[in-house]
Amino acid sequence: MSFFEKLLQDMYEASEKRRREANLTEQDIRDLIDLTLVLGDEEWFMELTERLNALTV
């Protein structure tokens, strides 16, 4: 596994923990959305986008 792949894996695992936490700020959600784009996780992207829209409406 390359350094970059390991870094992405570590970030993803850390984000899984953060994703389960209820008290994410708007910026936290935006940061996680950026991560979903890097990872190509469409389902998580949609989930986070819905959460962000609920916060900003």
C-alpha atoms as a PDB file:
ATOM      1  CA  MET A   1       0.000   0.000   0.000  1.00  0.00           C
ATOM      2  CA  SER A   2       1.428   3.368  -0.972  1.00  0.00           C
ATOM      3  CA  PHE A   3       1.772   6.251   1.452  1.00  0.00           C
ATOM      4  CA  PHE A   4      -1.074   8.071  -0.309  1.00  0.00           C
ATOM      5  CA  GLU A   5      -3.389   5.064  -0.100  1.00  0.00           C
ATOM      6  CA  LYS A   6      -2.570   4.636   3.603  1.00  0.00           C
ATOM      7  CA  LEU A   7      -3.257   8.321   4.214  1.00  0.00           C
ATOM      8  CA  LEU A   8      -6.634   8.103   2.474  1.00  0.00           C
ATOM      9  CA  GLN A   9      -7.515   4.964   4.418  1.00  0.00           C
ATOM     10  CA  ASP A  10      -6.626   6.654   7.715  1.00  0.00           C
ATOM     11  CA  MET A  11      -8.665   9.723   6.780  1.00  0.00           C
ATOM     12  CA  TYR A  12     -11.634   7.575   5.812  1.00  0.00           C
ATOM     13  CA  GLU A  13     -11.524   5.614   9.056  1.00  0.00           C
ATOM     14  CA  ALA A  14     -11.292   8.829  11.080  1.00  0.00           C
ATOM     15  CA  SER A  15     -14.181  10.302   9.097  1.00  0.00           C
ATOM     16  CA  GLU A  16     -16.309   7.216   9.832  1.00  0.00           C
ATOM     17  CA  LYS A  17     -16.027   8.036  13.518  1.00  0.00           C
ATOM     18  CA  ARG A  18     -16.851  11.698  12.909  1.00  0.00           C
ATOM     19  CA  ARG A  19     -19.747  10.749  10.651  1.00  0.00           C
ATOM     20  CA  ARG A  20     -21.424   8.865  13.487  1.00  0.00           C
ATOM     21  CA  GLU A  21     -21.200  11.893  15.798  1.00  0.00           C
ATOM     22  CA  ALA A  22     -24.376  13.959  15.901  1.00  0.00           C
ATOM     23  CA  ASN A  23     -22.875  17.405  16.506  1.00  0.00           C
ATOM     24  CA  LEU A  24     -21.098  18.224  13.270  1.00  0.00           C
ATOM     25  CA  THR A  25     -20.692  21.868  12.368  1.00  0.00           C
ATOM     26  CA  GLU A  26     -21.510  23.187   8.928  1.00  0.00           C
ATOM     27  CA  GLN A  27     -17.787  23.343   8.169  1.00  0.00           C
ATOM     28  CA  ASP A  28     -17.296  19.749   9.357  1.00  0.00           C
ATOM     29  CA  ILE A  29     -19.970  18.609   6.928  1.00  0.00           C
ATOM     30  CA  ARG A  30     -18.421  20.620   4.082  1.00  0.00           C
ATOM     31  CA  ASP A  31     -15.019  19.053   4.821  1.00  0.00           C
ATOM     32  CA  LEU A  32     -16.534  15.578   4.819  1.00  0.00           C
ATOM     33  CA  ILE A  33     -18.285  16.309   1.528  1.00  0.00           C
ATOM     34  CA  ASP A  34     -14.888  17.158   0.059  1.00  0.00           C
ATOM     35  CA  LEU A  35     -13.600  13.822   1.323  1.00  0.00           C
ATOM     36  CA  THR A  36     -16.507  11.959  -0.285  1.00  0.00           C
ATOM     37  CA  LEU A  37     -15.559  13.486  -3.619  1.00  0.00           C
ATOM     38  CA  VAL A  38     -11.990  12.235  -3.241  1.00  0.00           C
ATOM     39  CA  LEU A  39     -13.196   8.787  -2.217  1.00  0.00           C
ATOM     40  CA  GLY A  40     -15.976   8.634  -4.803  1.00  0.00           C
ATOM     41  CA  ASP A  41     -18.570   7.681  -2.159  1.00  0.00           C
ATOM     42  CA  GLU A  42     -21.801   8.845  -3.784  1.00  0.00           C
ATOM     43  CA  GLU A  43     -24.108   7.496  -1.066  1.00  0.00           C
ATOM     44  CA  TRP A  44     -22.235   9.299   1.715  1.00  0.00           C
ATOM     45  CA  PHE A  45     -22.068  12.449  -0.449  1.00  0.00           C
ATOM     46  CA  MET A  46     -25.850  12.456  -0.779  1.00  0.00           C
ATOM     47  CA  GLU A  47     -26.319  11.860   2.957  1.00  0.00           C
ATOM     48  CA  LEU A  48     -24.004  14.729   3.868  1.00  0.00           C
ATOM     49  CA  THR A  49     -25.519  17.040   1.261  1.00  0.00           C
ATOM     50  CA  GLU A  50     -28.946  16.447   2.772  1.00  0.00           C
ATOM     51  CA  ARG A  51     -27.588  17.220   6.254  1.00  0.00           C
ATOM     52  CA  LEU A  52     -25.954  20.390   4.969  1.00  0.00           C
ATOM     53  CA  ASN A  53     -29.140  21.513   3.233  1.00  0.00           C
ATOM     54  CA  ALA A  54     -31.099  20.934   6.451  1.00  0.00           C
ATOM     55  CA  LEU A  55     -28.660  23.163   8.336  1.00  0.00           C
ATOM     56  CA  THR A  56     -28.640  25.993   5.809  1.00  0.00           C
ATOM     57  CA  VAL A  57     -32.390  26.179   5.097  1.00  0.00           C
END
